[in-house]
């Protein structure tokens, strides 16, 4: 009886082992991950909502100290040309520009369908947003035409190579470092002002690309002329910035800027004595914790970790 019992136990162990081997042979497909960056310097605290045909999703995590957030989607990884992306701040949340500490809580950046290419980096910037806005306002689905129109109207077309334009739309941080000092300065000032214009006029559906470009270039030129070391303070290494969203939301102020004149209140804001002096923040310790449910970073600016970026 003991021998029979022992034989039964051994057989059971062997069968259990075989069962384990079979389970190990089952391969569960892994979902592919893609990094998306929010950039005007790197922006911390935004979520990404992607749409690929009928598939849509919003990241539970937020952009980190380098402006990156991960989208988990095979469709987004394999066929990004068929996808669009919106970077936004959850309702009640906060976002900050890590390069200077500017509050970016009202910013919404987008990337239109057709602009992304498999194997290239992904960045949502004021430039990609204006391209998306241009396509929407003209009912023109030709992304290349819209992209060329944006860089031309902003006066950057002849100053940038095709690779540099593409770089500003996909890997802006690395691309800015390759530009000559004067072109980098113009691009940086244009990016900062354009971001404010887009926030101030985000509810305007009939605004023209030409008007946005005139306002942006007029104010950016004024900003650099008064602060020749921009984006740092004249005579120091401290970063400086302007936040003109309130001024540009005023209809009369915006119309004055469209005429090519720097409005009085904006002219005051760009003076060296009135310019905002910020600080470069530590990307390893961002003020808004990118992970939900873990509290906020040492900056303590807070945020809602809901899945819906706008509600």
Protein backbone atom coordinates (compact mmCIF):
# COMPACT_ATOMS: atom_id res chain seq x y z
CA UNK A 1 0.00 0.00 0.00
CA UNK A 2 2.83 2.35 0.84
CA UNK A 3 4.49 1.65 -2.53
CA UNK A 4 1.22 2.31 -4.40
CA UNK A 5 0.65 5.52 -2.46
CA UNK A 6 4.18 6.73 -3.18
CA UNK A 7 3.73 5.98 -6.89
CA UNK A 8 0.50 7.99 -6.94
CA UNK A 9 2.18 10.99 -5.29
CA UNK A 10 5.10 10.93 -7.76
CA UNK A 11 2.73 10.74 -10.72
CA UNK A 12 0.80 13.71 -9.38
CA UNK A 13 3.95 15.77 -9.02
CA UNK A 14 4.97 14.96 -12.59
CA UNK A 15 1.56 15.95 -13.93
CA UNK A 16 1.64 19.21 -11.96
CA UNK A 17 5.05 19.98 -13.39
CA UNK A 18 3.82 19.37 -16.92
CA UNK A 19 0.90 21.70 -16.29
CA UNK A 20 3.27 24.48 -15.16
CA UNK A 21 5.38 24.10 -18.32
CA UNK A 22 2.29 24.47 -20.47
CA UNK A 23 1.32 27.71 -18.69
CA UNK A 24 4.80 29.14 -19.20
CA UNK A 25 4.50 28.54 -22.92
CA UNK A 26 1.56 30.96 -23.18
CA UNK A 27 2.86 34.34 -24.37
CA UNK A 28 0.75 37.38 -23.54
CA UNK A 29 1.23 40.13 -26.15
CA UNK A 30 2.66 43.30 -24.67
CA UNK A 31 1.13 46.68 -25.46
CA UNK A 32 3.65 49.00 -27.10
CA UNK A 33 4.56 52.25 -25.37
CA UNK A 34 5.31 55.60 -26.99
CA UNK A 35 6.66 58.70 -25.27
CA UNK A 36 4.89 61.99 -25.96
CA UNK A 37 6.39 65.31 -24.91
CA UNK A 38 4.70 68.62 -24.07
CA UNK A 39 7.16 71.36 -24.90
CA UNK A 40 7.60 75.11 -24.61
CA UNK A 41 10.32 74.22 -22.59
CA UNK A 42 9.32 70.92 -21.11
CA UNK A 43 5.92 71.13 -19.42
CA UNK A 44 5.17 69.13 -16.28
CA UNK A 45 1.59 68.20 -15.31
CA UNK A 46 -0.26 67.47 -18.57
CA UNK A 47 -2.10 64.33 -19.71
CA UNK A 48 -2.20 63.03 -23.29
CA UNK A 49 -5.42 62.06 -25.03
CA UNK A 50 -4.87 60.15 -28.27
CA UNK A 51 -7.28 59.16 -31.02
CA UNK A 52 -6.45 56.50 -33.60
CA UNK A 53 -9.56 55.85 -35.65
CA UNK A 54 -12.12 54.41 -33.23
CA UNK A 55 -9.53 53.86 -30.51
CA UNK A 56 -9.09 56.64 -27.99
CA UNK A 57 -7.54 56.91 -24.56
CA UNK A 58 -6.14 59.29 -21.97
CA UNK A 59 -3.01 58.68 -19.93
CA UNK A 60 -3.50 58.26 -16.20
CA UNK A 61 -0.02 59.63 -15.61
CA UNK A 62 1.00 63.23 -16.35
CA UNK A 63 4.01 64.67 -18.11
CA UNK A 64 7.09 64.42 -15.93
CA UNK A 65 9.94 66.83 -15.30
CA UNK A 66 11.14 66.47 -18.89
CA UNK A 67 7.66 66.91 -20.31
CA UNK A 68 7.24 63.21 -21.15
CA UNK A 69 4.22 60.98 -20.70
CA UNK A 70 3.77 57.42 -22.01
CA UNK A 71 0.93 56.40 -24.32
CA UNK A 72 0.28 52.64 -24.25
CA UNK A 73 -1.29 51.70 -27.58
CA UNK A 74 -0.24 49.43 -30.44
CA UNK A 75 -2.16 51.56 -32.93
CA UNK A 76 -0.41 54.72 -31.76
CA UNK A 77 2.98 53.02 -31.97
CA UNK A 78 2.46 51.25 -35.31
CA UNK A 79 0.33 53.73 -37.28
CA UNK A 80 0.86 57.15 -35.70
CA UNK A 81 0.08 58.86 -39.02
CA UNK A 82 -3.54 57.84 -38.41
CA UNK A 83 -3.58 59.33 -34.90
CA UNK A 84 -4.04 62.73 -33.32
CA UNK A 85 -3.03 63.84 -29.81
CA UNK A 86 -4.18 66.51 -27.37
CA UNK A 87 -2.06 67.47 -24.33
CA UNK A 88 -4.06 69.22 -21.62
CA UNK A 89 -4.26 69.80 -17.88
CA UNK A 90 -6.87 67.88 -15.85
CA UNK A 91 -9.67 70.03 -14.45
CA UNK A 92 -8.45 71.78 -11.32
CA UNK A 93 -4.89 70.71 -12.04
CA UNK A 94 -1.66 72.59 -12.54
CA UNK A 95 1.12 72.57 -15.11
CA UNK A 96 4.45 74.37 -15.17
CA UNK A 97 7.21 75.13 -17.66
CA UNK A 98 10.30 73.45 -16.21
CA UNK A 99 12.67 75.83 -18.02
CA UNK A 100 11.48 78.94 -16.19
CA UNK A 101 8.67 78.10 -13.73
CA UNK A 102 5.89 79.73 -15.79
CA UNK A 103 2.35 78.60 -14.96
CA UNK A 104 1.03 76.61 -17.95
CA UNK A 105 -2.21 75.39 -16.36
CA UNK A 106 -4.43 76.78 -19.15
CA UNK A 107 -2.38 75.45 -22.03
CA UNK A 108 -3.76 72.95 -24.53
CA UNK A 109 -1.40 71.61 -27.19
CA UNK A 110 -2.38 69.33 -30.05
CA UNK A 111 -0.89 67.27 -32.85
CA UNK A 112 -3.10 66.79 -35.92
CA UNK A 113 -3.63 63.48 -37.69
CA UNK A 114 -1.07 63.05 -40.45
CA UNK A 115 1.80 64.87 -38.75
CA UNK A 116 3.20 61.90 -36.86
CA UNK A 117 5.49 59.34 -38.49
CA UNK A 118 6.40 55.89 -37.16
CA UNK A 119 9.87 55.80 -35.66
CA UNK A 120 10.03 59.55 -35.01
CA UNK A 121 9.78 61.25 -31.64
CA UNK A 122 6.48 62.85 -30.66
CA UNK A 123 6.12 66.37 -29.27
CA UNK A 124 3.10 68.63 -28.82
CA UNK A 125 4.13 72.29 -29.08
CA UNK A 126 2.67 75.67 -29.99
CA UNK A 127 3.82 74.99 -33.57
CA UNK A 128 2.01 71.64 -33.88
CA UNK A 129 -1.04 73.25 -32.28
CA UNK A 130 -1.10 76.09 -34.79
CA UNK A 131 -0.75 73.57 -37.62
CA UNK A 132 -3.77 71.70 -36.24
CA UNK A 133 -5.71 74.96 -35.89
CA UNK A 134 -4.81 75.93 -39.46
CA UNK A 135 -6.08 72.64 -40.84
CA UNK A 136 -9.34 72.94 -38.89
CA UNK A 137 -10.01 76.55 -39.87
CA UNK A 138 -9.36 76.00 -43.59
CA UNK A 139 -10.84 72.50 -43.90
CA UNK A 140 -7.54 71.57 -45.50
CA UNK A 141 -6.38 68.04 -44.66
CA UNK A 142 -2.95 68.58 -46.23
CA UNK A 143 -0.67 68.66 -43.21
CA UNK A 144 2.39 69.59 -45.26
CA UNK A 145 0.66 72.65 -46.71
CA UNK A 146 -0.45 73.75 -43.25
CA UNK A 147 3.02 73.20 -41.79
CA UNK A 148 4.69 75.26 -44.52
CA UNK A 149 2.10 78.02 -44.13
CA UNK A 150 2.71 78.22 -40.37
CA UNK A 151 6.49 78.54 -40.65
CA UNK A 152 6.17 81.02 -43.51
CA UNK A 153 3.67 83.27 -41.73
CA UNK A 154 5.80 83.23 -38.57
CA UNK A 155 8.81 84.35 -40.61
CA UNK A 156 10.83 81.22 -39.86
CA UNK A 157 10.62 79.40 -43.18
CA UNK A 158 13.79 80.84 -44.71
CA UNK A 159 15.70 80.62 -41.42
CA UNK A 160 15.21 76.92 -40.83
CA UNK A 161 16.15 73.88 -42.87
CA UNK A 162 13.55 71.18 -43.52
CA UNK A 163 15.26 68.97 -40.93
CA UNK A 164 15.18 71.78 -38.37
CA UNK A 165 11.46 72.37 -38.97
CA UNK A 166 10.78 68.67 -38.52
CA UNK A 167 12.96 68.67 -35.40
CA UNK A 168 10.99 71.52 -33.82
CA UNK A 169 7.84 69.46 -34.35
CA UNK A 170 9.22 66.18 -33.00
CA UNK A 171 12.28 66.78 -30.78
CA UNK A 172 12.32 70.53 -30.01
CA UNK A 173 14.73 70.49 -27.08
CA UNK A 174 17.51 68.79 -29.04
CA UNK A 175 16.78 70.84 -32.17
CA UNK A 176 16.97 74.20 -30.39
CA UNK A 177 20.48 73.34 -29.23
CA UNK A 178 21.63 72.91 -32.84
CA UNK A 179 20.41 76.31 -34.04
CA UNK A 180 22.56 79.41 -34.29
CA UNK A 181 22.19 81.78 -31.34
CA UNK A 182 20.10 84.37 -33.17
CA UNK A 183 17.75 81.83 -34.75
CA UNK A 184 17.38 79.96 -31.46
CA UNK A 185 16.48 83.22 -29.73
CA UNK A 186 13.85 84.08 -32.34
CA UNK A 187 12.36 80.59 -32.21
CA UNK A 188 12.25 80.63 -28.39
CA UNK A 189 10.56 84.03 -28.26
CA UNK A 190 8.11 83.07 -31.00
CA UNK A 191 7.25 79.84 -29.18
CA UNK A 192 6.61 81.61 -25.87
CA UNK A 193 4.40 84.34 -27.32
CA UNK A 194 2.56 81.95 -29.65
CA UNK A 195 1.66 79.77 -26.67
CA UNK A 196 0.06 82.79 -24.95
CA UNK A 197 -1.79 83.78 -28.12
CA UNK A 198 -3.22 80.27 -28.47
CA UNK A 199 -4.39 80.22 -24.86
CA UNK A 200 -5.90 83.70 -25.09
CA UNK A 201 -7.73 82.95 -28.34
CA UNK A 202 -8.56 79.26 -27.80
CA UNK A 203 -12.31 79.90 -28.07
CA UNK A 204 -12.00 81.88 -31.31
CA UNK A 205 -13.07 79.62 -34.16
CA UNK A 206 -12.74 82.11 -37.02
CA UNK A 207 -9.33 83.60 -36.21
CA UNK A 208 -6.95 83.67 -39.18
CA UNK A 209 -3.44 82.23 -39.30
CA UNK A 210 -2.20 85.56 -40.62
CA UNK A 211 -3.57 87.42 -37.59
CA UNK A 212 -2.05 84.96 -35.12
CA UNK A 213 1.29 85.25 -36.91
CA UNK A 214 1.30 89.07 -36.93
CA UNK A 215 0.48 89.29 -33.24
CA UNK A 216 3.09 86.65 -32.36
CA UNK A 217 5.96 88.06 -34.42
CA UNK A 218 5.24 91.68 -33.44
CA UNK A 219 5.37 90.93 -29.72
CA UNK A 220 8.24 88.43 -29.96
CA UNK A 221 10.37 91.03 -31.77
CA UNK A 222 9.58 93.61 -29.10
CA UNK A 223 10.44 91.10 -26.36
CA UNK A 224 13.88 90.34 -27.83
CA UNK A 225 14.72 93.96 -28.64
CA UNK A 226 14.14 94.98 -25.01
CA UNK A 227 15.81 91.87 -23.60
CA UNK A 228 18.76 91.09 -25.89
CA UNK A 229 19.90 88.08 -23.86
CA UNK A 230 16.47 86.42 -23.98
CA UNK A 231 15.56 83.77 -22.83
CA UNK A 232 17.79 84.79 -19.92
CA UNK A 233 17.89 88.07 -18.05
CA UNK A 234 20.30 90.63 -19.45
CA UNK A 235 23.59 90.31 -17.58
CA UNK A 236 22.65 87.09 -15.78
CA UNK A 237 21.83 83.44 -16.38
CA UNK A 238 18.36 83.64 -14.80
CA UNK A 239 15.52 82.64 -17.15
CA UNK A 240 12.87 85.25 -17.93
CA UNK A 241 9.36 85.00 -19.34
CA UNK A 242 6.18 86.87 -20.08
CA UNK A 243 2.61 85.74 -19.53
CA UNK A 244 0.41 87.79 -21.84
CA UNK A 245 -2.68 85.60 -21.90
CA UNK A 246 -4.90 88.09 -20.06
CA UNK A 247 -3.83 91.01 -22.23
CA UNK A 248 -4.25 89.07 -25.48
CA UNK A 249 -7.69 87.83 -24.45
CA UNK A 250 -8.91 91.44 -24.64
CA UNK A 251 -10.46 92.00 -28.07
CA UNK A 252 -9.22 95.57 -28.48
CA UNK A 253 -5.69 94.69 -27.41
CA UNK A 254 -5.59 91.77 -29.81
CA UNK A 255 -6.88 93.89 -32.71
CA UNK A 256 -4.22 96.51 -31.99
CA UNK A 257 -1.54 93.83 -32.12
CA UNK A 258 -2.99 92.51 -35.40
CA UNK A 259 -2.32 95.96 -36.88
CA UNK A 260 1.37 95.39 -36.21
CA UNK A 261 1.58 97.71 -33.20
CA UNK A 262 2.65 96.57 -29.74
CA UNK A 263 -0.23 97.44 -27.36
CA UNK A 264 0.69 99.70 -24.45
CA UNK A 265 0.06 97.17 -21.68
CA UNK A 266 2.11 94.53 -23.48
CA UNK A 267 4.91 97.02 -24.17
CA UNK A 268 5.06 97.63 -20.43
CA UNK A 269 5.16 93.90 -19.63
CA UNK A 270 8.15 93.29 -21.91
CA UNK A 271 10.32 96.01 -20.34
CA UNK A 272 13.37 94.62 -18.48
CA UNK A 273 12.21 96.15 -15.19
CA UNK A 274 8.82 94.44 -15.50
CA UNK A 275 9.85 91.12 -17.02
CA UNK A 276 9.26 88.05 -14.88
CA UNK A 277 12.45 86.40 -13.64
CA UNK A 278 11.89 82.67 -13.21
CA UNK A 279 13.96 79.66 -12.29
CA UNK A 280 15.06 76.44 -13.93
CA UNK A 281 13.35 73.58 -12.08
CA UNK A 282 14.87 70.19 -11.30
CA UNK A 283 13.45 67.62 -13.76
CA UNK A 284 14.05 64.82 -11.25
CA UNK A 285 11.82 66.56 -8.68
CA UNK A 286 9.00 68.25 -10.62
CA UNK A 287 6.40 70.36 -8.77
CA UNK A 288 3.52 68.20 -10.08
CA UNK A 289 3.88 64.49 -9.41
CA UNK A 290 3.31 62.67 -12.72
CA UNK A 291 1.89 59.56 -11.04
CA UNK A 292 -1.72 59.42 -9.80
CA UNK A 293 -2.47 58.70 -6.18
CA UNK A 294 1.01 59.48 -4.89
CA UNK A 295 0.53 63.11 -3.88
CA UNK A 296 2.32 66.08 -5.38
CA UNK A 297 6.00 66.92 -5.61
CA UNK A 298 7.86 69.29 -3.37
CA UNK A 299 6.56 72.26 -5.32
CA UNK A 300 3.09 71.51 -3.99
CA UNK A 301 1.07 73.04 -6.87
CA UNK A 302 -1.46 70.20 -6.82
CA UNK A 303 -3.64 68.62 -9.49
CA UNK A 304 -6.57 66.37 -10.28
CA UNK A 305 -5.57 62.92 -11.53
CA UNK A 306 -8.86 62.21 -13.30
CA UNK A 307 -8.85 60.48 -16.68
CA UNK A 308 -10.82 63.25 -18.38
CA UNK A 309 -8.45 66.14 -19.21
CA UNK A 310 -11.19 68.71 -19.37
CA UNK A 311 -13.77 67.60 -16.83
